[in-house]
Amino acid sequence: MNVSQLQLFLSSLSQPLSASGAKKAAEDLSRACAALEPFREWSLVQFADFLAAADQYAKTGVVPTSGRARTTRSAAKAGDPQALAAAIDQVRAFFDRVTSPEVSYASIEAEIKRLDKQFKKDELLEIAKALGISAKPKTKKDAVAEIQRVMTQRKETFERTRF
């Protein structure tokens, strides 16, 4: 069983709830289904492991290392273009979610620390370019700072203009 099947099940519960007058519960289920979308291809075991890691991070502030993260890191450090492209997609997806209330400034900082630790200067320059940063940072530290500035600025702008 994978997460997409769980989504279908939760979605099927939404309609009867809405029809019976429990609109808030139906909306909550619809929102949960939408939040599961990035994980739809994962098995339930993988998703459960992810939730356990997220819980540990929420409680301790430490991101537990897992086999999945290490393989991505190793491949990216080896200069694998496919791994870099996957990492760019992952960072873009995070960048798109920055305006979400679920993404805190601490989450942005954790993502920046992960990028700093995981990637070399040239890879960070590619990531910065993918995020629309036109000025080419001179050092790795500058690239990391610029990526953080852009993400933080996006969140701040959204929060200021939200009503």
N, C-alpha and C. Protein backbone atom coordinates (compact mmCIF):
# COMPACT_ATOMS: atom_id res chain seq x y z
N MET A 1 0.85 -1.18 0.00
CA MET A 1 0.00 0.00 0.00
C MET A 1 0.89 1.23 0.00
N ASN A 2 0.49 2.25 -0.77
CA ASN A 2 1.26 3.47 -0.77
C ASN A 2 0.39 4.67 -0.38
N VAL A 3 1.01 5.82 -0.30
CA VAL A 3 0.34 7.02 0.19
C VAL A 3 -0.81 7.43 -0.73
N SER A 4 -0.67 7.19 -2.03
CA SER A 4 -1.76 7.58 -2.94
C SER A 4 -3.05 6.82 -2.61
N GLN A 5 -2.91 5.57 -2.18
CA GLN A 5 -4.10 4.81 -1.78
C GLN A 5 -4.71 5.37 -0.49
N LEU A 6 -3.85 5.82 0.41
CA LEU A 6 -4.33 6.47 1.63
C LEU A 6 -5.07 7.76 1.27
N GLN A 7 -4.53 8.51 0.31
CA GLN A 7 -5.19 9.73 -0.15
C GLN A 7 -6.59 9.43 -0.68
N LEU A 8 -6.70 8.39 -1.49
CA LEU A 8 -8.01 8.02 -2.04
C LEU A 8 -9.00 7.68 -0.94
N PHE A 9 -8.53 6.94 0.05
CA PHE A 9 -9.40 6.56 1.16
C PHE A 9 -9.88 7.79 1.93
N LEU A 10 -8.95 8.67 2.26
CA LEU A 10 -9.32 9.88 3.00
C LEU A 10 -10.26 10.75 2.17
N SER A 11 -9.99 10.84 0.89
CA SER A 11 -10.84 11.62 0.00
C SER A 11 -12.25 11.05 -0.05
N SER A 12 -12.36 9.73 -0.04
CA SER A 12 -13.69 9.10 -0.08
C SER A 12 -14.50 9.40 1.19
N LEU A 13 -13.83 9.68 2.29
CA LEU A 13 -14.54 10.02 3.53
C LEU A 13 -15.03 11.47 3.53
N SER A 14 -14.39 12.30 2.76
CA SER A 14 -14.70 13.72 2.74
C SER A 14 -16.13 14.01 2.28
N GLN A 15 -16.58 13.36 1.22
CA GLN A 15 -17.91 13.63 0.68
C GLN A 15 -19.04 13.29 1.65
N PRO A 16 -19.04 12.10 2.27
CA PRO A 16 -20.12 11.82 3.24
C PRO A 16 -20.10 12.79 4.43
N LEU A 17 -18.91 13.17 4.87
CA LEU A 17 -18.84 14.11 5.99
C LEU A 17 -19.45 15.45 5.60
N SER A 18 -19.11 15.92 4.42
CA SER A 18 -19.64 17.19 3.95
C SER A 18 -21.16 17.13 3.81
N ALA A 19 -21.66 16.03 3.27
CA ALA A 19 -23.11 15.87 3.09
C ALA A 19 -23.86 15.80 4.42
N SER A 20 -23.19 15.30 5.46
CA SER A 20 -23.86 15.17 6.76
C SER A 20 -23.72 16.43 7.61
N GLY A 21 -23.12 17.47 7.06
CA GLY A 21 -23.01 18.73 7.79
C GLY A 21 -21.69 18.96 8.49
N ALA A 22 -20.79 18.02 8.40
CA ALA A 22 -19.48 18.17 9.05
C ALA A 22 -18.49 18.77 8.04
N LYS A 23 -18.80 19.99 7.61
CA LYS A 23 -18.00 20.63 6.57
C LYS A 23 -16.56 20.89 7.02
N LYS A 24 -16.36 21.25 8.27
CA LYS A 24 -15.01 21.51 8.78
C LYS A 24 -14.17 20.24 8.72
N ALA A 25 -14.73 19.13 9.13
CA ALA A 25 -14.01 17.86 9.09
C ALA A 25 -13.70 17.48 7.64
N ALA A 26 -14.65 17.72 6.74
CA ALA A 26 -14.44 17.42 5.32
C ALA A 26 -13.32 18.29 4.75
N GLU A 27 -13.31 19.57 5.13
CA GLU A 27 -12.24 20.47 4.67
C GLU A 27 -10.89 20.03 5.21
N ASP A 28 -10.86 19.62 6.47
CA ASP A 28 -9.61 19.14 7.07
C ASP A 28 -9.08 17.91 6.33
N LEU A 29 -9.98 17.00 5.99
CA LEU A 29 -9.57 15.81 5.24
C LEU A 29 -9.05 16.18 3.85
N SER A 30 -9.71 17.11 3.20
CA SER A 30 -9.27 17.56 1.88
C SER A 30 -7.89 18.19 1.96
N ARG A 31 -7.68 18.97 3.00
CA ARG A 31 -6.36 19.60 3.20
C ARG A 31 -5.29 18.54 3.47
N ALA A 32 -5.63 17.54 4.26
CA ALA A 32 -4.69 16.45 4.53
C ALA A 32 -4.34 15.71 3.24
N CYS A 33 -5.34 15.47 2.41
CA CYS A 33 -5.09 14.79 1.12
C CYS A 33 -4.14 15.61 0.26
N ALA A 34 -4.34 16.92 0.22
CA ALA A 34 -3.46 17.79 -0.57
C ALA A 34 -2.04 17.78 0.00
N ALA A 35 -1.92 17.76 1.31
CA ALA A 35 -0.59 17.76 1.94
C ALA A 35 0.16 16.46 1.68
N LEU A 36 -0.57 15.39 1.42
CA LEU A 36 0.07 14.09 1.15
C LEU A 36 0.56 13.97 -0.29
N GLU A 37 0.20 14.90 -1.14
CA GLU A 37 0.52 14.81 -2.56
C GLU A 37 2.02 14.61 -2.85
N PRO A 38 2.94 15.33 -2.21
CA PRO A 38 4.36 15.12 -2.51
C PRO A 38 4.85 13.70 -2.17
N PHE A 39 4.09 12.99 -1.36
CA PHE A 39 4.52 11.67 -0.89
C PHE A 39 3.72 10.53 -1.54
N ARG A 40 2.94 10.83 -2.54
CA ARG A 40 1.99 9.86 -3.09
C ARG A 40 2.62 8.57 -3.59
N GLU A 41 3.88 8.58 -4.01
CA GLU A 41 4.53 7.37 -4.51
C GLU A 41 5.22 6.58 -3.40
N TRP A 42 5.30 7.14 -2.21
CA TRP A 42 5.98 6.47 -1.10
C TRP A 42 5.13 5.33 -0.57
N SER A 43 5.80 4.31 -0.07
CA SER A 43 5.07 3.25 0.64
C SER A 43 4.67 3.80 2.01
N LEU A 44 3.72 3.16 2.65
CA LEU A 44 3.32 3.62 3.98
C LEU A 44 4.45 3.47 4.99
N VAL A 45 5.30 2.46 4.79
CA VAL A 45 6.45 2.27 5.68
C VAL A 45 7.41 3.45 5.54
N GLN A 46 7.70 3.85 4.29
CA GLN A 46 8.58 5.00 4.07
C GLN A 46 7.98 6.26 4.70
N PHE A 47 6.69 6.44 4.50
CA PHE A 47 6.03 7.62 5.03
C PHE A 47 6.03 7.61 6.56
N ALA A 48 5.82 6.46 7.16
CA ALA A 48 5.85 6.34 8.62
C ALA A 48 7.25 6.67 9.15
N ASP A 49 8.29 6.21 8.45
CA ASP A 49 9.66 6.54 8.84
C ASP A 49 9.91 8.04 8.74
N PHE A 50 9.38 8.65 7.68
CA PHE A 50 9.51 10.09 7.51
C PHE A 50 8.83 10.84 8.65
N LEU A 51 7.63 10.41 9.02
CA LEU A 51 6.91 11.06 10.12
C LEU A 51 7.67 10.91 11.44
N ALA A 52 8.28 9.76 11.65
CA ALA A 52 9.07 9.55 12.87
C ALA A 52 10.27 10.50 12.89
N ALA A 53 10.92 10.67 11.73
CA ALA A 53 12.06 11.59 11.64
C ALA A 53 11.61 13.03 11.85
N ALA A 54 10.46 13.39 11.29
CA ALA A 54 9.93 14.74 11.47
C ALA A 54 9.58 15.00 12.92
N ASP A 55 9.03 14.00 13.58
CA ASP A 55 8.70 14.12 15.00
C ASP A 55 9.96 14.32 15.83
N GLN A 56 11.00 13.56 15.52
CA GLN A 56 12.26 13.71 16.24
C GLN A 56 12.83 15.11 16.03
N TYR A 57 12.75 15.61 14.80
CA TYR A 57 13.24 16.96 14.52
C TYR A 57 12.43 18.00 15.30
N ALA A 58 11.12 17.84 15.32
CA ALA A 58 10.27 18.79 16.04
C ALA A 58 10.58 18.81 17.53
N LYS A 59 10.91 17.65 18.09
CA LYS A 59 11.18 17.56 19.53
C LYS A 59 12.60 17.97 19.89
N THR A 60 13.57 17.64 19.04
CA THR A 60 14.97 17.85 19.41
C THR A 60 15.68 18.92 18.58
N GLY A 61 15.13 19.25 17.42
CA GLY A 61 15.80 20.20 16.53
C GLY A 61 16.92 19.56 15.74
N VAL A 62 17.08 18.25 15.86
CA VAL A 62 18.12 17.52 15.15
C VAL A 62 17.47 16.69 14.06
N VAL A 63 17.98 16.84 12.84
CA VAL A 63 17.47 16.05 11.74
C VAL A 63 18.17 14.70 11.78
N PRO A 64 17.42 13.62 11.99
CA PRO A 64 18.06 12.31 12.02
C PRO A 64 18.54 11.93 10.62
N THR A 65 19.71 11.33 10.56
CA THR A 65 20.22 10.91 9.26
C THR A 65 19.60 9.57 8.92
N SER A 66 19.30 9.42 7.65
CA SER A 66 18.71 8.17 7.19
C SER A 66 19.42 7.73 5.93
N GLY A 67 19.21 6.52 5.52
CA GLY A 67 19.82 6.02 4.30
C GLY A 67 19.44 6.85 3.10
N ARG A 68 18.21 7.29 3.03
CA ARG A 68 17.72 8.08 1.90
C ARG A 68 18.50 9.39 1.78
N ALA A 69 18.67 10.09 2.88
CA ALA A 69 19.39 11.36 2.84
C ALA A 69 20.86 11.15 2.49
N ARG A 70 21.46 10.13 3.02
CA ARG A 70 22.86 9.88 2.75
C ARG A 70 23.11 9.54 1.29
N THR A 71 22.26 8.78 0.68
CA THR A 71 22.48 8.44 -0.72
C THR A 71 22.35 9.68 -1.58
N THR A 72 21.42 10.55 -1.27
CA THR A 72 21.29 11.79 -2.02
C THR A 72 22.53 12.64 -1.84
N ARG A 73 23.00 12.74 -0.61
CA ARG A 73 24.16 13.55 -0.34
C ARG A 73 25.40 13.00 -1.05
N SER A 74 25.61 11.72 -1.00
CA SER A 74 26.77 11.11 -1.63
C SER A 74 26.74 11.31 -3.13
N ALA A 75 25.59 11.11 -3.73
CA ALA A 75 25.49 11.26 -5.17
C ALA A 75 25.73 12.71 -5.58
N ALA A 76 25.20 13.65 -4.81
CA ALA A 76 25.39 15.05 -5.15
C ALA A 76 26.84 15.46 -4.99
N LYS A 77 27.50 14.97 -3.95
CA LYS A 77 28.90 15.33 -3.75
C LYS A 77 29.80 14.73 -4.83
N ALA A 78 29.37 13.64 -5.42
CA ALA A 78 30.17 13.01 -6.46
C ALA A 78 30.08 13.80 -7.76
N GLY A 79 29.23 14.83 -7.82
CA GLY A 79 29.12 15.64 -9.02
C GLY A 79 28.17 15.03 -10.04
N ASP A 80 27.31 14.16 -9.62
CA ASP A 80 26.34 13.52 -10.50
C ASP A 80 25.32 14.56 -10.96
N PRO A 81 25.21 14.82 -12.26
CA PRO A 81 24.27 15.83 -12.75
C PRO A 81 22.81 15.49 -12.42
N GLN A 82 22.47 14.21 -12.43
CA GLN A 82 21.10 13.83 -12.10
C GLN A 82 20.80 14.11 -10.63
N ALA A 83 21.76 13.85 -9.77
CA ALA A 83 21.56 14.12 -8.35
C ALA A 83 21.43 15.62 -8.10
N LEU A 84 22.23 16.41 -8.83
CA LEU A 84 22.14 17.86 -8.68
C LEU A 84 20.78 18.35 -9.18
N ALA A 85 20.32 17.81 -10.30
CA ALA A 85 19.01 18.20 -10.82
C ALA A 85 17.90 17.84 -9.83
N ALA A 86 18.02 16.67 -9.21
CA ALA A 86 17.03 16.26 -8.21
C ALA A 86 17.08 17.20 -7.00
N ALA A 87 18.29 17.57 -6.60
CA ALA A 87 18.45 18.49 -5.47
C ALA A 87 17.86 19.86 -5.80
N ILE A 88 18.07 20.31 -7.02
CA ILE A 88 17.50 21.60 -7.45
C ILE A 88 15.98 21.53 -7.40
N ASP A 89 15.42 20.43 -7.88
CA ASP A 89 13.96 20.27 -7.82
C ASP A 89 13.46 20.29 -6.38
N GLN A 90 14.21 19.64 -5.49
CA GLN A 90 13.83 19.59 -4.08
C GLN A 90 13.88 20.99 -3.46
N VAL A 91 14.93 21.75 -3.78
CA VAL A 91 15.06 23.11 -3.23
C VAL A 91 13.97 24.01 -3.80
N ARG A 92 13.69 23.88 -5.10
CA ARG A 92 12.60 24.66 -5.70
C ARG A 92 11.27 24.35 -5.04
N ALA A 93 11.02 23.08 -4.77
CA ALA A 93 9.77 22.69 -4.11
C ALA A 93 9.69 23.32 -2.72
N PHE A 94 10.81 23.31 -2.00
CA PHE A 94 10.83 23.94 -0.67
C PHE A 94 10.59 25.44 -0.82
N PHE A 95 11.24 26.06 -1.81
CA PHE A 95 11.08 27.49 -2.06
C PHE A 95 9.61 27.82 -2.34
N ASP A 96 8.94 26.97 -3.09
CA ASP A 96 7.52 27.18 -3.39
C ASP A 96 6.66 27.06 -2.14
N ARG A 97 7.08 26.23 -1.19
CA ARG A 97 6.30 26.02 0.04
C ARG A 97 6.63 27.04 1.13
N VAL A 98 7.63 27.88 0.92
CA VAL A 98 8.07 28.82 1.96
C VAL A 98 6.93 29.71 2.44
N THR A 99 5.99 30.02 1.58
CA THR A 99 4.89 30.90 1.97
C THR A 99 3.83 30.19 2.80
N SER A 100 3.93 28.90 2.90
CA SER A 100 2.96 28.11 3.67
C SER A 100 3.15 28.37 5.17
N PRO A 101 2.05 28.42 5.92
CA PRO A 101 2.16 28.60 7.37
C PRO A 101 2.92 27.47 8.05
N GLU A 102 2.95 26.29 7.42
CA GLU A 102 3.65 25.15 8.01
C GLU A 102 5.17 25.30 7.96
N VAL A 103 5.65 26.18 7.07
CA VAL A 103 7.10 26.39 6.96
C VAL A 103 7.47 27.58 7.83
N SER A 104 8.27 27.33 8.85
CA SER A 104 8.68 28.38 9.77
C SER A 104 10.05 28.92 9.36
N TYR A 105 10.45 30.01 10.01
CA TYR A 105 11.78 30.54 9.75
C TYR A 105 12.85 29.54 10.19
N ALA A 106 12.56 28.78 11.22
CA ALA A 106 13.49 27.74 11.67
C ALA A 106 13.64 26.66 10.59
N SER A 107 12.55 26.36 9.89
CA SER A 107 12.63 25.39 8.79
C SER A 107 13.51 25.91 7.67
N ILE A 108 13.38 27.19 7.38
CA ILE A 108 14.22 27.80 6.34
C ILE A 108 15.67 27.71 6.76
N GLU A 109 15.95 28.04 8.01
CA GLU A 109 17.33 27.97 8.51
C GLU A 109 17.87 26.55 8.45
N ALA A 110 17.05 25.57 8.79
CA ALA A 110 17.48 24.17 8.73
C ALA A 110 17.78 23.76 7.30
N GLU A 111 16.96 24.21 6.36
CA GLU A 111 17.20 23.89 4.95
C GLU A 111 18.50 24.54 4.47
N ILE A 112 18.75 25.76 4.90
CA ILE A 112 19.98 26.46 4.51
C ILE A 112 21.20 25.73 5.07
N LYS A 113 21.12 25.30 6.32
CA LYS A 113 22.23 24.55 6.92
C LYS A 113 22.48 23.26 6.17
N ARG A 114 21.39 22.59 5.76
CA ARG A 114 21.52 21.35 5.01
C ARG A 114 22.22 21.61 3.67
N LEU A 115 21.81 22.68 2.99
CA LEU A 115 22.44 23.01 1.71
C LEU A 115 23.92 23.32 1.89
N ASP A 116 24.24 24.09 2.93
CA ASP A 116 25.63 24.47 3.19
C ASP A 116 26.48 23.23 3.45
N LYS A 117 25.94 22.31 4.19
CA LYS A 117 26.68 21.10 4.54
C LYS A 117 26.79 20.12 3.37
N GLN A 118 25.74 20.05 2.57
CA GLN A 118 25.63 19.02 1.54
C GLN A 118 26.33 19.37 0.23
N PHE A 119 26.39 20.65 -0.12
CA PHE A 119 26.85 21.01 -1.46
C PHE A 119 28.12 21.84 -1.46
N LYS A 120 28.84 21.72 -2.56
CA LYS A 120 30.03 22.52 -2.80
C LYS A 120 29.61 23.83 -3.45
N LYS A 121 30.57 24.74 -3.59
CA LYS A 121 30.29 26.07 -4.11
C LYS A 121 29.62 26.02 -5.48
N ASP A 122 30.17 25.28 -6.42
CA ASP A 122 29.61 25.25 -7.78
C ASP A 122 28.18 24.73 -7.80
N GLU A 123 27.89 23.75 -6.97
CA GLU A 123 26.54 23.21 -6.89
C GLU A 123 25.58 24.24 -6.29
N LEU A 124 26.05 24.97 -5.27
CA LEU A 124 25.22 26.01 -4.67
C LEU A 124 24.96 27.14 -5.66
N LEU A 125 25.94 27.43 -6.51
CA LEU A 125 25.73 28.45 -7.54
C LEU A 125 24.63 28.02 -8.51
N GLU A 126 24.60 26.74 -8.86
CA GLU A 126 23.55 26.22 -9.73
C GLU A 126 22.18 26.31 -9.05
N ILE A 127 22.15 25.99 -7.78
CA ILE A 127 20.90 26.08 -7.02
C ILE A 127 20.43 27.53 -6.95
N ALA A 128 21.36 28.44 -6.68
CA ALA A 128 21.01 29.87 -6.62
C ALA A 128 20.46 30.34 -7.96
N LYS A 129 21.10 29.92 -9.03
CA LYS A 129 20.65 30.28 -10.37
C LYS A 129 19.23 29.76 -10.62
N ALA A 130 18.97 28.53 -10.18
CA ALA A 130 17.64 27.92 -10.36
C ALA A 130 16.56 28.67 -9.58
N LEU A 131 16.96 29.34 -8.50
CA LEU A 131 16.00 30.11 -7.70
C LEU A 131 15.83 31.53 -8.22
N GLY A 132 16.51 31.84 -9.34
CA GLY A 132 16.36 33.15 -9.94
C GLY A 132 17.32 34.19 -9.41
N ILE A 133 18.36 33.76 -8.73
CA ILE A 133 19.37 34.70 -8.23
C ILE A 133 20.33 34.99 -9.37
N SER A 134 20.28 36.23 -9.87
CA SER A 134 21.06 36.55 -11.07
C SER A 134 22.51 36.92 -10.76
N ALA A 135 22.74 37.57 -9.63
CA ALA A 135 24.11 37.94 -9.26
C ALA A 135 24.86 36.67 -8.85
N LYS A 136 26.06 36.50 -9.38
CA LYS A 136 26.84 35.29 -9.08
C LYS A 136 27.65 35.52 -7.81
N PRO A 137 27.29 34.83 -6.72
CA PRO A 137 28.05 34.97 -5.47
C PRO A 137 29.50 34.53 -5.66
N LYS A 138 30.41 35.20 -4.96
CA LYS A 138 31.84 34.91 -5.12
C LYS A 138 32.30 33.69 -4.33
N THR A 139 31.69 33.47 -3.18
CA THR A 139 32.12 32.37 -2.33
C THR A 139 30.94 31.47 -1.99
N LYS A 140 31.25 30.32 -1.42
CA LYS A 140 30.19 29.40 -0.98
C LYS A 140 29.34 30.07 0.09
N LYS A 141 30.00 30.76 1.01
CA LYS A 141 29.30 31.45 2.09
C LYS A 141 28.33 32.50 1.52
N ASP A 142 28.78 33.24 0.49
CA ASP A 142 27.92 34.23 -0.14
C ASP A 142 26.71 33.58 -0.82
N ALA A 143 26.94 32.44 -1.46
CA ALA A 143 25.84 31.73 -2.14
C ALA A 143 24.80 31.27 -1.12
N VAL A 144 25.27 30.71 -0.02
CA VAL A 144 24.36 30.25 1.03
C VAL A 144 23.57 31.43 1.60
N ALA A 145 24.26 32.53 1.86
CA ALA A 145 23.61 33.72 2.42
C ALA A 145 22.57 34.28 1.45
N GLU A 146 22.87 34.27 0.17
CA GLU A 146 21.94 34.80 -0.82
C GLU A 146 20.70 33.91 -0.96
N ILE A 147 20.90 32.61 -0.93
CA ILE A 147 19.76 31.68 -0.98
C ILE A 147 18.87 31.89 0.25
N GLN A 148 19.50 32.03 1.41
CA GLN A 148 18.73 32.27 2.64
C GLN A 148 17.99 33.60 2.56
N ARG A 149 18.64 34.62 2.04
CA ARG A 149 18.01 35.93 1.93
C ARG A 149 16.76 35.86 1.04
N VAL A 150 16.88 35.17 -0.09
CA VAL A 150 15.76 35.08 -1.02
C VAL A 150 14.60 34.31 -0.41
N MET A 151 14.90 33.22 0.28
CA MET A 151 13.83 32.43 0.90
C MET A 151 13.15 33.21 2.02
N THR A 152 13.95 33.84 2.87
CA THR A 152 13.40 34.61 3.98
C THR A 152 12.59 35.79 3.47
N GLN A 153 13.11 36.46 2.46
CA GLN A 153 12.41 37.61 1.89
C GLN A 153 11.06 37.19 1.28
N ARG A 154 11.04 36.05 0.63
CA ARG A 154 9.78 35.55 0.06
C ARG A 154 8.75 35.32 1.16
N LYS A 155 9.17 34.71 2.26
CA LYS A 155 8.25 34.44 3.37
C LYS A 155 7.78 35.75 4.00
N GLU A 156 8.71 36.67 4.24
CA GLU A 156 8.35 37.95 4.86
C GLU A 156 7.38 38.73 3.99
N THR A 157 7.64 38.77 2.69
CA THR A 157 6.76 39.49 1.78
C THR A 157 5.36 38.90 1.78
N PHE A 158 5.29 37.58 1.76
CA PHE A 158 3.98 36.92 1.79
C PHE A 158 3.24 37.24 3.08
N GLU A 159 3.94 37.18 4.20
CA GLU A 159 3.29 37.44 5.49
C GLU A 159 2.83 38.88 5.61
N ARG A 160 3.60 39.82 5.04
CA ARG A 160 3.21 41.22 5.09
C ARG A 160 1.97 41.51 4.26
N THR A 161 1.86 40.83 3.12
CA THR A 161 0.76 41.13 2.20
C THR A 161 -0.46 40.24 2.40
N ARG A 162 -0.35 39.26 3.28
CA ARG A 162 -1.48 38.35 3.53
C ARG A 162 -2.54 39.07 4.37
N PHE A 163 -3.78 38.83 4.04
CA PHE A 163 -4.86 39.43 4.83
C PHE A 163 -6.02 38.53 4.96
